[in-house]
Amino acid sequence: GHPQAKTPNIDRLAKQGILFSNAHCQGPICGPSRCSFLSGKYPFTTG
């Protein structure tokens, strides 16, 4: 995402597992996003 990023530990983790490079949140601010992935429900289901 940026040519000057320095994230050797996250990059190493990606090589050890599977990187989902087209992953997206279900709500683009903290509360709705965390409520969604922690509950397993979309925002348009829970409100």
PDB file of all heavy atoms in Angstrom:
ATOM      1  N   GLY A   1       0.796  -1.222   0.000  1.00  0.00           N
ATOM      2  CA  GLY A   1       0.000   0.000   0.000  1.00  0.00           C
ATOM      3  C   GLY A   1       0.828   1.271   0.000  1.00  0.00           C
ATOM      4  O   GLY A   1       0.364   2.305  -0.469  1.00  0.00           O
ATOM      5  N   HIS A   2       2.048   1.202   0.542  1.00  0.00           N
ATOM      6  CA  HIS A   2       2.954   2.352   0.525  1.00  0.00           C
ATOM      7  C   HIS A   2       4.376   1.817   0.402  1.00  0.00           C
ATOM      8  O   HIS A   2       4.772   0.923   1.154  1.00  0.00           O
ATOM      9  CB  HIS A   2       2.804   3.193   1.786  1.00  0.00           C
ATOM     10  CG  HIS A   2       3.461   4.536   1.695  1.00  0.00           C
ATOM     11  ND1 HIS A   2       4.843   4.701   1.722  1.00  0.00           N
ATOM     12  CD2 HIS A   2       2.936   5.791   1.563  1.00  0.00           C
ATOM     13  CE1 HIS A   2       5.136   5.979   1.615  1.00  0.00           C
ATOM     14  NE2 HIS A   2       3.999   6.665   1.505  1.00  0.00           N
ATOM     15  N   PRO A   3       5.160   2.362  -0.523  1.00  0.00           N
ATOM     16  CA  PRO A   3       6.495   1.793  -0.780  1.00  0.00           C
ATOM     17  C   PRO A   3       7.467   1.938   0.389  1.00  0.00           C
ATOM     18  O   PRO A   3       8.487   1.239   0.428  1.00  0.00           O
ATOM     19  CB  PRO A   3       6.986   2.586  -1.998  1.00  0.00           C
ATOM     20  CG  PRO A   3       6.208   3.867  -1.963  1.00  0.00           C
ATOM     21  CD  PRO A   3       4.867   3.496  -1.411  1.00  0.00           C
ATOM     22  N   GLN A   4       7.177   2.817   1.331  1.00  0.00           N
ATOM     23  CA  GLN A   4       8.097   3.029   2.449  1.00  0.00           C
ATOM     24  C   GLN A   4       7.656   2.342   3.739  1.00  0.00           C
ATOM     25  O   GLN A   4       8.319   2.483   4.768  1.00  0.00           O
ATOM     26  CB  GLN A   4       8.250   4.537   2.694  1.00  0.00           C
ATOM     27  CG  GLN A   4       8.939   5.275   1.554  1.00  0.00           C
ATOM     28  CD  GLN A   4       8.942   6.774   1.748  1.00  0.00           C
ATOM     29  OE1 GLN A   4       7.892   7.384   1.969  1.00  0.00           O
ATOM     30  NE2 GLN A   4      10.116   7.388   1.664  1.00  0.00           N
ATOM     31  N   ALA A   5       6.578   1.589   3.690  1.00  0.00           N
ATOM     32  CA  ALA A   5       6.094   0.900   4.882  1.00  0.00           C
ATOM     33  C   ALA A   5       7.134  -0.097   5.382  1.00  0.00           C
ATOM     34  O   ALA A   5       7.763  -0.815   4.594  1.00  0.00           O
ATOM     35  CB  ALA A   5       4.782   0.181   4.578  1.00  0.00           C
ATOM     36  N   LYS A   6       7.301  -0.146   6.709  1.00  0.00           N
ATOM     37  CA  LYS A   6       8.252  -1.071   7.331  1.00  0.00           C
ATOM     38  C   LYS A   6       7.500  -1.929   8.337  1.00  0.00           C
ATOM     39  O   LYS A   6       7.287  -1.547   9.476  1.00  0.00           O
ATOM     40  CB  LYS A   6       9.382  -0.301   7.997  1.00  0.00           C
ATOM     41  CG  LYS A   6      10.237   0.499   7.021  1.00  0.00           C
ATOM     42  CD  LYS A   6      11.348   1.270   7.723  1.00  0.00           C
ATOM     43  CE  LYS A   6      12.178   2.065   6.717  1.00  0.00           C
ATOM     44  NZ  LYS A   6      13.271   2.842   7.376  1.00  0.00           N
ATOM     45  N   THR A   7       7.094  -3.112   7.872  1.00  0.00           N
ATOM     46  CA  THR A   7       6.300  -4.019   8.709  1.00  0.00           C
ATOM     47  C   THR A   7       6.833  -5.447   8.582  1.00  0.00           C
ATOM     48  O   THR A   7       6.124  -6.343   8.133  1.00  0.00           O
ATOM     49  CB  THR A   7       4.825  -3.971   8.301  1.00  0.00           C
ATOM     50  OG1 THR A   7       4.723  -4.239   6.880  1.00  0.00           O
ATOM     51  CG2 THR A   7       4.217  -2.604   8.580  1.00  0.00           C
ATOM     52  N   PRO A   8       8.068  -5.697   8.971  1.00  0.00           N
ATOM     53  CA  PRO A   8       8.659  -7.026   8.764  1.00  0.00           C
ATOM     54  C   PRO A   8       7.942  -8.145   9.505  1.00  0.00           C
ATOM     55  O   PRO A   8       7.885  -9.286   9.011  1.00  0.00           O
ATOM     56  CB  PRO A   8      10.096  -6.854   9.279  1.00  0.00           C
ATOM     57  CG  PRO A   8      10.026  -5.695  10.227  1.00  0.00           C
ATOM     58  CD  PRO A   8       9.003  -4.769   9.638  1.00  0.00           C
ATOM     59  N   ASN A   9       7.384  -7.860  10.670  1.00  0.00           N
ATOM     60  CA  ASN A   9       6.742  -8.921  11.447  1.00  0.00           C
ATOM     61  C   ASN A   9       5.396  -9.328  10.858  1.00  0.00           C
ATOM     62  O   ASN A   9       5.077 -10.517  10.770  1.00  0.00           O
ATOM     63  CB  ASN A   9       6.578  -8.452  12.895  1.00  0.00           C
ATOM     64  CG  ASN A   9       7.906  -8.184  13.550  1.00  0.00           C
ATOM     65  OD1 ASN A   9       8.695  -9.089  13.786  1.00  0.00           O
ATOM     66  ND2 ASN A   9       8.188  -6.912  13.833  1.00  0.00           N
ATOM     67  N   ILE A  10       4.602  -8.341  10.439  1.00  0.00           N
ATOM     68  CA  ILE A  10       3.335  -8.660   9.786  1.00  0.00           C
ATOM     69  C   ILE A  10       3.594  -9.369   8.461  1.00  0.00           C
ATOM     70  O   ILE A  10       2.904 -10.337   8.114  1.00  0.00           O
ATOM     71  CB  ILE A  10       2.509  -7.374   9.571  1.00  0.00           C
ATOM     72  CG1 ILE A  10       2.170  -6.722  10.912  1.00  0.00           C
ATOM     73  CG2 ILE A  10       1.239  -7.677   8.787  1.00  0.00           C
ATOM     74  CD1 ILE A  10       1.518  -5.352  10.807  1.00  0.00           C
ATOM     75  N   ASP A  11       4.601  -8.921   7.722  1.00  0.00           N
ATOM     76  CA  ASP A  11       4.928  -9.547   6.442  1.00  0.00           C
ATOM     77  C   ASP A  11       5.369 -11.002   6.647  1.00  0.00           C
ATOM     78  O   ASP A  11       5.005 -11.892   5.865  1.00  0.00           O
ATOM     79  CB  ASP A  11       6.043  -8.772   5.740  1.00  0.00           C
ATOM     80  CG  ASP A  11       5.655  -7.328   5.455  1.00  0.00           C
ATOM     81  OD1 ASP A  11       4.445  -7.027   5.464  1.00  0.00           O
ATOM     82  OD2 ASP A  11       6.558  -6.512   5.243  1.00  0.00           O
ATOM     83  N   ARG A  12       6.135 -11.247   7.693  1.00  0.00           N
ATOM     84  CA  ARG A  12       6.581 -12.611   7.989  1.00  0.00           C
ATOM     85  C   ARG A  12       5.393 -13.494   8.344  1.00  0.00           C
ATOM     86  O   ARG A  12       5.322 -14.667   7.945  1.00  0.00           O
ATOM     87  CB  ARG A  12       7.592 -12.586   9.135  1.00  0.00           C
ATOM     88  CG  ARG A  12       8.281 -13.922   9.397  1.00  0.00           C
ATOM     89  CD  ARG A  12       9.288 -13.805  10.532  1.00  0.00           C
ATOM     90  NE  ARG A  12      10.236 -12.716  10.291  1.00  0.00           N
ATOM     91  CZ  ARG A  12      10.323 -11.620  11.031  1.00  0.00           C
ATOM     92  NH1 ARG A  12       9.506 -11.455  12.067  1.00  0.00           N
ATOM     93  NH2 ARG A  12      11.203 -10.679  10.755  1.00  0.00           N
ATOM     94  N   LEU A  13       4.439 -12.923   9.085  1.00  0.00           N
ATOM     95  CA  LEU A  13       3.238 -13.677   9.440  1.00  0.00           C
ATOM     96  C   LEU A  13       2.453 -14.062   8.193  1.00  0.00           C
ATOM     97  O   LEU A  13       1.924 -15.180   8.099  1.00  0.00           O
ATOM     98  CB  LEU A  13       2.370 -12.834  10.380  1.00  0.00           C
ATOM     99  CG  LEU A  13       1.144 -13.528  10.973  1.00  0.00           C
ATOM    100  CD1 LEU A  13       1.565 -14.616  11.948  1.00  0.00           C
ATOM    101  CD2 LEU A  13       0.237 -12.518  11.673  1.00  0.00           C
ATOM    102  N   ALA A  14       2.384 -13.151   7.217  1.00  0.00           N
ATOM    103  CA  ALA A  14       1.665 -13.441   5.973  1.00  0.00           C
ATOM    104  C   ALA A  14       2.294 -14.615   5.238  1.00  0.00           C
ATOM    105  O   ALA A  14       1.595 -15.446   4.633  1.00  0.00           O
ATOM    106  CB  ALA A  14       1.644 -12.205   5.084  1.00  0.00           C
ATOM    107  N   LYS A  15       3.606 -14.729   5.292  1.00  0.00           N
ATOM    108  CA  LYS A  15       4.293 -15.837   4.619  1.00  0.00           C
ATOM    109  C   LYS A  15       4.067 -17.160   5.343  1.00  0.00           C
ATOM    110  O   LYS A  15       4.132 -18.226   4.733  1.00  0.00           O
ATOM    111  CB  LYS A  15       5.785 -15.535   4.529  1.00  0.00           C
ATOM    112  CG  LYS A  15       6.121 -14.382   3.592  1.00  0.00           C
ATOM    113  CD  LYS A  15       7.625 -14.128   3.548  1.00  0.00           C
ATOM    114  CE  LYS A  15       7.957 -12.965   2.607  1.00  0.00           C
ATOM    115  NZ  LYS A  15       9.416 -12.674   2.570  1.00  0.00           N
ATOM    116  N   GLN A  16       3.785 -17.075   6.633  1.00  0.00           N
ATOM    117  CA  GLN A  16       3.552 -18.291   7.402  1.00  0.00           C
ATOM    118  C   GLN A  16       2.126 -18.806   7.252  1.00  0.00           C
ATOM    119  O   GLN A  16       1.861 -19.975   7.519  1.00  0.00           O
ATOM    120  CB  GLN A  16       3.846 -18.025   8.879  1.00  0.00           C
ATOM    121  CG  GLN A  16       5.304 -17.700   9.168  1.00  0.00           C
ATOM    122  CD  GLN A  16       5.510 -17.202  10.581  1.00  0.00           C
ATOM    123  OE1 GLN A  16       4.557 -16.971  11.337  1.00  0.00           O
ATOM    124  NE2 GLN A  16       6.774 -17.018  10.967  1.00  0.00           N
ATOM    125  N   GLY A  17       1.223 -17.923   6.840  1.00  0.00           N
ATOM    126  CA  GLY A  17      -0.177 -18.314   6.729  1.00  0.00           C
ATOM    127  C   GLY A  17      -0.749 -17.973   5.379  1.00  0.00           C
ATOM    128  O   GLY A  17      -0.098 -18.128   4.345  1.00  0.00           O
ATOM    129  N   ILE A  18      -1.987 -17.499   5.382  1.00  0.00           N
ATOM    130  CA  ILE A  18      -2.684 -17.148   4.142  1.00  0.00           C
ATOM    131  C   ILE A  18      -3.083 -15.673   4.236  1.00  0.00           C
ATOM    132  O   ILE A  18      -3.732 -15.248   5.199  1.00  0.00           O
ATOM    133  CB  ILE A  18      -3.940 -18.030   3.928  1.00  0.00           C
ATOM    134  CG1 ILE A  18      -3.528 -19.482   3.695  1.00  0.00           C
ATOM    135  CG2 ILE A  18      -4.742 -17.520   2.738  1.00  0.00           C
ATOM    136  CD1 ILE A  18      -3.434 -20.310   4.951  1.00  0.00           C
ATOM    137  N   LEU A  19      -2.689 -14.906   3.230  1.00  0.00           N
ATOM    138  CA  LEU A  19      -2.995 -13.478   3.157  1.00  0.00           C
ATOM    139  C   LEU A  19      -4.219 -13.268   2.279  1.00  0.00           C
ATOM    140  O   LEU A  19      -4.239 -13.670   1.115  1.00  0.00           O
ATOM    141  CB  LEU A  19      -1.805 -12.714   2.578  1.00  0.00           C
ATOM    142  CG  LEU A  19      -2.032 -11.242   2.227  1.00  0.00           C
ATOM    143  CD1 LEU A  19      -2.267 -10.417   3.486  1.00  0.00           C
ATOM    144  CD2 LEU A  19      -0.845 -10.690   1.432  1.00  0.00           C
ATOM    145  N   PHE A  20      -5.230 -12.622   2.832  1.00  0.00           N
ATOM    146  CA  PHE A  20      -6.439 -12.289   2.071  1.00  0.00           C
ATOM    147  C   PHE A  20      -6.303 -10.832   1.634  1.00  0.00           C
ATOM    148  O   PHE A  20      -6.572  -9.901   2.403  1.00  0.00           O
ATOM    149  CB  PHE A  20      -7.684 -12.509   2.929  1.00  0.00           C
ATOM    150  CG  PHE A  20      -7.912 -13.952   3.275  1.00  0.00           C
ATOM    151  CD1 PHE A  20      -7.326 -14.507   4.402  1.00  0.00           C
ATOM    152  CD2 PHE A  20      -8.678 -14.767   2.458  1.00  0.00           C
ATOM    153  CE1 PHE A  20      -7.512 -15.843   4.728  1.00  0.00           C
ATOM    154  CE2 PHE A  20      -8.871 -16.107   2.759  1.00  0.00           C
ATOM    155  CZ  PHE A  20      -8.290 -16.652   3.908  1.00  0.00           C
ATOM    156  N   SER A  21      -5.881 -10.644   0.401  1.00  0.00           N
ATOM    157  CA  SER A  21      -5.526  -9.300  -0.069  1.00  0.00           C
ATOM    158  C   SER A  21      -6.717  -8.504  -0.581  1.00  0.00           C
ATOM    159  O   SER A  21      -6.565  -7.333  -0.941  1.00  0.00           O
ATOM    160  CB  SER A  21      -4.469  -9.403  -1.174  1.00  0.00           C
ATOM    161  OG  SER A  21      -4.951 -10.157  -2.267  1.00  0.00           O
ATOM    162  N   ASN A  22      -7.890  -9.107  -0.616  1.00  0.00           N
ATOM    163  CA  ASN A  22      -9.104  -8.401  -1.029  1.00  0.00           C
ATOM    164  C   ASN A  22     -10.145  -8.531   0.075  1.00  0.00           C
ATOM    165  O   ASN A  22     -11.297  -8.866  -0.166  1.00  0.00           O
ATOM    166  CB  ASN A  22      -9.625  -8.966  -2.352  1.00  0.00           C
ATOM    167  CG  ASN A  22     -10.673  -8.072  -3.010  1.00  0.00           C
ATOM    168  OD1 ASN A  22     -10.890  -6.940  -2.602  1.00  0.00           O
ATOM    169  ND2 ASN A  22     -11.330  -8.598  -4.036  1.00  0.00           N
ATOM    170  N   ALA A  23      -9.692  -8.271   1.317  1.00  0.00           N
ATOM    171  CA  ALA A  23     -10.572  -8.366   2.483  1.00  0.00           C
ATOM    172  C   ALA A  23     -11.111  -6.990   2.838  1.00  0.00           C
ATOM    173  O   ALA A  23     -10.395  -5.984   2.729  1.00  0.00           O
ATOM    174  CB  ALA A  23      -9.817  -8.959   3.665  1.00  0.00           C
ATOM    175  N   HIS A  24     -12.359  -6.956   3.311  1.00  0.00           N
ATOM    176  CA  HIS A  24     -13.017  -5.683   3.583  1.00  0.00           C
ATOM    177  C   HIS A  24     -13.848  -5.754   4.856  1.00  0.00           C
ATOM    178  O   HIS A  24     -14.400  -6.807   5.205  1.00  0.00           O
ATOM    179  CB  HIS A  24     -13.894  -5.276   2.392  1.00  0.00           C
ATOM    180  CG  HIS A  24     -13.105  -5.092   1.140  1.00  0.00           C
ATOM    181  ND1 HIS A  24     -12.610  -3.875   0.743  1.00  0.00           N
ATOM    182  CD2 HIS A  24     -12.683  -6.002   0.212  1.00  0.00           C
ATOM    183  CE1 HIS A  24     -11.917  -4.035  -0.380  1.00  0.00           C
ATOM    184  NE2 HIS A  24     -11.950  -5.310  -0.720  1.00  0.00           N
ATOM    185  N   CYS A  25     -13.921  -4.616   5.544  1.00  0.00           N
ATOM    186  CA  CYS A  25     -14.737  -4.516   6.744  1.00  0.00           C
ATOM    187  C   CYS A  25     -16.206  -4.400   6.352  1.00  0.00           C
ATOM    188  O   CYS A  25     -16.541  -4.083   5.211  1.00  0.00           O
ATOM    189  CB  CYS A  25     -14.313  -3.321   7.585  1.00  0.00           C
ATOM    190  SG  CYS A  25     -14.599  -1.721   6.781  1.00  0.00           S
ATOM    191  N   GLN A  26     -17.088  -4.617   7.323  1.00  0.00           N
ATOM    192  CA  GLN A  26     -18.521  -4.476   7.050  1.00  0.00           C
ATOM    193  C   GLN A  26     -19.075  -3.135   7.523  1.00  0.00           C
ATOM    194  O   GLN A  26     -20.214  -2.780   7.219  1.00  0.00           O
ATOM    195  CB  GLN A  26     -19.279  -5.626   7.709  1.00  0.00           C
ATOM    196  CG  GLN A  26     -19.310  -6.892   6.862  1.00  0.00           C
ATOM    197  CD  GLN A  26     -17.948  -7.336   6.362  1.00  0.00           C
ATOM    198  OE1 GLN A  26     -17.150  -7.862   7.119  1.00  0.00           O
ATOM    199  NE2 GLN A  26     -17.668  -7.117   5.083  1.00  0.00           N
ATOM    200  N   GLY A  27     -18.262  -2.396   8.271  1.00  0.00           N
ATOM    201  CA  GLY A  27     -18.608  -1.039   8.680  1.00  0.00           C
ATOM    202  C   GLY A  27     -17.328  -0.230   8.748  1.00  0.00           C
ATOM    203  O   GLY A  27     -16.390  -0.629   9.433  1.00  0.00           O
ATOM    204  N   PRO A  28     -17.238   0.928   8.071  1.00  0.00           N
ATOM    205  CA  PRO A  28     -15.965   1.636   7.960  1.00  0.00           C
ATOM    206  C   PRO A  28     -15.643   2.577   9.116  1.00  0.00           C
ATOM    207  O   PRO A  28     -14.954   3.575   8.944  1.00  0.00           O
ATOM    208  CB  PRO A  28     -16.128   2.417   6.649  1.00  0.00           C
ATOM    209  CG  PRO A  28     -17.587   2.725   6.594  1.00  0.00           C
ATOM    210  CD  PRO A  28     -18.276   1.544   7.220  1.00  0.00           C
ATOM    211  N   ILE A  29     -16.160   2.278  10.298  1.00  0.00           N
ATOM    212  CA  ILE A  29     -15.738   2.925  11.535  1.00  0.00           C
ATOM    213  C   ILE A  29     -15.714   1.852  12.622  1.00  0.00           C
ATOM    214  O   ILE A  29     -16.320   0.777  12.474  1.00  0.00           O
ATOM    215  CB  ILE A  29     -16.632   4.114  11.942  1.00  0.00           C
ATOM    216  CG1 ILE A  29     -18.105   3.728  11.946  1.00  0.00           C
ATOM    217  CG2 ILE A  29     -16.395   5.308  11.041  1.00  0.00           C
ATOM    218  CD1 ILE A  29     -19.020   4.858  12.405  1.00  0.00           C
ATOM    219  N   CYS A  30     -15.053   2.171  13.732  1.00  0.00           N
ATOM    220  CA  CYS A  30     -14.703   1.138  14.723  1.00  0.00           C
ATOM    221  C   CYS A  30     -15.900   0.345  15.241  1.00  0.00           C
ATOM    222  O   CYS A  30     -15.912  -0.885  15.206  1.00  0.00           O
ATOM    223  CB  CYS A  30     -13.979   1.777  15.898  1.00  0.00           C
ATOM    224  SG  CYS A  30     -12.444   2.626  15.467  1.00  0.00           S
ATOM    225  N   GLY A  31     -16.901   1.048  15.790  1.00  0.00           N
ATOM    226  CA  GLY A  31     -17.998   0.367  16.450  1.00  0.00           C
ATOM    227  C   GLY A  31     -18.766  -0.599  15.565  1.00  0.00           C
ATOM    228  O   GLY A  31     -18.895  -1.788  15.891  1.00  0.00           O
ATOM    229  N   PRO A  32     -19.305  -0.145  14.433  1.00  0.00           N
ATOM    230  CA  PRO A  32     -20.046  -1.058  13.566  1.00  0.00           C
ATOM    231  C   PRO A  32     -19.208  -2.222  13.057  1.00  0.00           C
ATOM    232  O   PRO A  32     -19.707  -3.344  12.934  1.00  0.00           O
ATOM    233  CB  PRO A  32     -20.495  -0.149  12.411  1.00  0.00           C
ATOM    234  CG  PRO A  32     -20.547   1.206  13.006  1.00  0.00           C
ATOM    235  CD  PRO A  32     -19.423   1.260  13.998  1.00  0.00           C
ATOM    236  N   SER A  33     -17.930  -1.970  12.763  1.00  0.00           N
ATOM    237  CA  SER A  33     -17.071  -3.045  12.278  1.00  0.00           C
ATOM    238  C   SER A  33     -16.878  -4.112  13.340  1.00  0.00           C
ATOM    239  O   SER A  33     -17.053  -5.315  13.084  1.00  0.00           O
ATOM    240  CB  SER A  33     -15.717  -2.488  11.842  1.00  0.00           C
ATOM    241  OG  SER A  33     -14.845  -3.537  11.462  1.00  0.00           O
ATOM    242  N   ARG A  34     -16.523  -3.706  14.544  1.00  0.00           N
ATOM    243  CA  ARG A  34     -16.268  -4.676  15.605  1.00  0.00           C
ATOM    244  C   ARG A  34     -17.549  -5.389  16.030  1.00  0.00           C
ATOM    245  O   ARG A  34     -17.527  -6.594  16.306  1.00  0.00           O
ATOM    246  CB  ARG A  34     -15.594  -3.981  16.784  1.00  0.00           C
ATOM    247  CG  ARG A  34     -14.165  -3.540  16.458  1.00  0.00           C
ATOM    248  CD  ARG A  34     -13.572  -2.628  17.516  1.00  0.00           C
ATOM    249  NE  ARG A  34     -12.316  -2.056  17.049  1.00  0.00           N
ATOM    250  CZ  ARG A  34     -11.105  -2.446  17.458  1.00  0.00           C
ATOM    251  NH1 ARG A  34     -10.990  -3.404  18.368  1.00  0.00           N
ATOM    252  NH2 ARG A  34     -10.021  -1.879  16.985  1.00  0.00           N
ATOM    253  N   CYS A  35     -18.656  -4.663  16.080  1.00  0.00           N
ATOM    254  CA  CYS A  35     -19.925  -5.317  16.378  1.00  0.00           C
ATOM    255  C   CYS A  35     -20.251  -6.377  15.339  1.00  0.00           C
ATOM    256  O   CYS A  35     -20.800  -7.434  15.663  1.00  0.00           O
ATOM    257  CB  CYS A  35     -21.047  -4.278  16.433  1.00  0.00           C
ATOM    258  SG  CYS A  35     -21.046  -3.277  17.934  1.00  0.00           S
ATOM    259  N   SER A  36     -19.886  -6.117  14.104  1.00  0.00           N
ATOM    260  CA  SER A  36     -20.195  -7.046  13.026  1.00  0.00           C
ATOM    261  C   SER A  36     -19.332  -8.308  13.092  1.00  0.00           C
ATOM    262  O   SER A  36     -19.848  -9.431  13.174  1.00  0.00           O
ATOM    263  CB  SER A  36     -20.009  -6.355  11.669  1.00  0.00           C
ATOM    264  OG  SER A  36     -20.216  -7.261  10.612  1.00  0.00           O
ATOM    265  N   PHE A  37     -18.000  -8.150  13.075  1.00  0.00           N
ATOM    266  CA  PHE A  37     -17.198  -9.378  12.994  1.00  0.00           C
ATOM    267  C   PHE A  37     -17.168 -10.150  14.316  1.00  0.00           C
ATOM    268  O   PHE A  37     -16.981 -11.371  14.318  1.00  0.00           O
ATOM    269  CB  PHE A  37     -15.791  -9.112  12.461  1.00  0.00           C
ATOM    270  CG  PHE A  37     -14.813  -8.424  13.373  1.00  0.00           C
ATOM    271  CD1 PHE A  37     -14.214  -9.085  14.420  1.00  0.00           C
ATOM    272  CD2 PHE A  37     -14.448  -7.100  13.134  1.00  0.00           C
ATOM    273  CE1 PHE A  37     -13.290  -8.455  15.233  1.00  0.00           C
ATOM    274  CE2 PHE A  37     -13.516  -6.459  13.942  1.00  0.00           C
ATOM    275  CZ  PHE A  37     -12.943  -7.144  15.004  1.00  0.00           C
ATOM    276  N   LEU A  38     -17.394  -9.471  15.440  1.00  0.00           N
ATOM    277  CA  LEU A  38     -17.422 -10.190  16.711  1.00  0.00           C
ATOM    278  C   LEU A  38     -18.744 -10.917  16.937  1.00  0.00           C
ATOM    279  O   LEU A  38     -18.797 -11.914  17.659  1.00  0.00           O
ATOM    280  CB  LEU A  38     -17.152  -9.237  17.868  1.00  0.00           C
ATOM    281  CG  LEU A  38     -15.711  -8.740  18.000  1.00  0.00           C
ATOM    282  CD1 LEU A  38     -15.610  -7.641  19.048  1.00  0.00           C
ATOM    283  CD2 LEU A  38     -14.752  -9.888  18.331  1.00  0.00           C
ATOM    284  N   SER A  39     -19.826 -10.428  16.318  1.00  0.00           N
ATOM    285  CA  SER A  39     -21.128 -11.083  16.462  1.00  0.00           C
ATOM    286  C   SER A  39     -21.460 -11.997  15.298  1.00  0.00           C
ATOM    287  O   SER A  39     -22.380 -12.812  15.395  1.00  0.00           O
ATOM    288  CB  SER A  39     -22.237 -10.028  16.592  1.00  0.00           C
ATOM    289  OG  SER A  39     -22.441  -9.351  15.356  1.00  0.00           O
ATOM    290  N   GLY A  40     -20.746 -11.837  14.180  1.00  0.00           N
ATOM    291  CA  GLY A  40     -21.045 -12.632  12.995  1.00  0.00           C
ATOM    292  C   GLY A  40     -22.245 -12.137  12.227  1.00  0.00           C
ATOM    293  O   GLY A  40     -22.817 -12.870  11.413  1.00  0.00           O
ATOM    294  N   LYS A  41     -22.635 -10.869  12.451  1.00  0.00           N
ATOM    295  CA  LYS A  41     -23.817 -10.302  11.813  1.00  0.00           C
ATOM    296  C   LYS A  41     -23.468  -9.034  11.042  1.00  0.00           C
ATOM    297  O   LYS A  41     -22.636  -8.237  11.478  1.00  0.00           O
ATOM    298  CB  LYS A  41     -24.867  -9.954  12.872  1.00  0.00           C
ATOM    299  CG  LYS A  41     -25.471 -11.152  13.580  1.00  0.00           C
ATOM    300  CD  LYS A  41     -26.393 -11.902  12.660  1.00  0.00           C
ATOM    301  CE  LYS A  41     -27.168 -12.970  13.396  1.00  0.00           C
ATOM    302  NZ  LYS A  41     -28.088 -13.698  12.491  1.00  0.00           N
ATOM    303  N   TYR A  42     -24.132  -8.826   9.917  1.00  0.00           N
ATOM    304  CA  TYR A  42     -23.956  -7.599   9.143  1.00  0.00           C
ATOM    305  C   TYR A  42     -24.635  -6.427   9.846  1.00  0.00           C
ATOM    306  O   TYR A  42     -25.641  -6.603  10.556  1.00  0.00           O
ATOM    307  CB  TYR A  42     -24.571  -7.756   7.758  1.00  0.00           C
ATOM    308  CG  TYR A  42     -23.716  -8.479   6.761  1.00  0.00           C
ATOM    309  CD1 TYR A  42     -23.924  -9.824   6.479  1.00  0.00           C
ATOM    310  CD2 TYR A  42     -22.688  -7.820   6.077  1.00  0.00           C
ATOM    311  CE1 TYR A  42     -23.138 -10.498   5.550  1.00  0.00           C
ATOM    312  CE2 TYR A  42     -21.899  -8.475   5.147  1.00  0.00           C
ATOM    313  CZ  TYR A  42     -22.132  -9.819   4.886  1.00  0.00           C
ATOM    314  OH  TYR A  42     -21.352 -10.481   3.975  1.00  0.00           O
ATOM    315  N   PRO A  43     -24.136  -5.204   9.639  1.00  0.00           N
ATOM    316  CA  PRO A  43     -24.799  -4.026  10.210  1.00  0.00           C
ATOM    317  C   PRO A  43     -26.255  -3.885   9.773  1.00  0.00           C
ATOM    318  O   PRO A  43     -27.093  -3.433  10.558  1.00  0.00           O
ATOM    319  CB  PRO A  43     -23.941  -2.869   9.691  1.00  0.00           C
ATOM    320  CG  PRO A  43     -22.579  -3.455   9.500  1.00  0.00           C
ATOM    321  CD  PRO A  43     -22.840  -4.856   9.016  1.00  0.00           C
ATOM    322  N   PHE A  44     -26.565  -4.273   8.516  1.00  0.00           N
ATOM    323  CA  PHE A  44     -27.942  -4.111   8.062  1.00  0.00           C
ATOM    324  C   PHE A  44     -28.866  -5.159   8.678  1.00  0.00           C
ATOM    325  O   PHE A  44     -30.081  -5.081   8.528  1.00  0.00           O
ATOM    326  CB  PHE A  44     -28.034  -4.130   6.528  1.00  0.00           C
ATOM    327  CG  PHE A  44     -27.433  -5.337   5.871  1.00  0.00           C
ATOM    328  CD1 PHE A  44     -28.084  -6.552   5.841  1.00  0.00           C
ATOM    329  CD2 PHE A  44     -26.191  -5.252   5.260  1.00  0.00           C
ATOM    330  CE1 PHE A  44     -27.529  -7.655   5.219  1.00  0.00           C
ATOM    331  CE2 PHE A  44     -25.613  -6.344   4.627  1.00  0.00           C
ATOM    332  CZ  PHE A  44     -26.286  -7.554   4.615  1.00  0.00           C
ATOM    333  N   THR A  45     -28.306  -6.128   9.397  1.00  0.00           N
ATOM    334  CA  THR A  45     -29.118  -7.075  10.163  1.00  0.00           C
ATOM    335  C   THR A  45     -29.364  -6.578  11.575  1.00  0.00           C
ATOM    336  O   THR A  45     -30.482  -6.646  12.091  1.00  0.00           O
ATOM    337  CB  THR A  45     -28.429  -8.454  10.216  1.00  0.00           C
ATOM    338  OG1 THR A  45     -28.311  -8.986   8.893  1.00  0.00           O
ATOM    339  CG2 THR A  45     -29.230  -9.425  11.073  1.00  0.00           C
ATOM    340  N   THR A  46     -28.311  -6.048  12.205  1.00  0.00           N
ATOM    341  CA  THR A  46     -28.423  -5.627  13.607  1.00  0.00           C
ATOM    342  C   THR A  46     -28.875  -4.183  13.766  1.00  0.00           C
ATOM    343  O   THR A  46     -29.401  -3.810  14.816  1.00  0.00           O
ATOM    344  CB  THR A  46     -27.066  -5.770  14.310  1.00  0.00           C
ATOM    345  OG1 THR A  46     -26.112  -4.858  13.731  1.00  0.00           O
ATOM    346  CG2 THR A  46     -26.540  -7.194  14.188  1.00  0.00           C
ATOM    347  N   GLY A  47     -28.627  -3.351  12.764  1.00  0.00           N
ATOM    348  CA  GLY A  47     -28.936  -1.929  12.870  1.00  0.00           C
ATOM    349  C   GLY A  47     -27.832  -1.103  13.504  1.00  0.00           C
ATOM    350  O   GLY A  47     -28.013   0.092  13.727  1.00  0.00           O
TER     351      GLY A  47
END
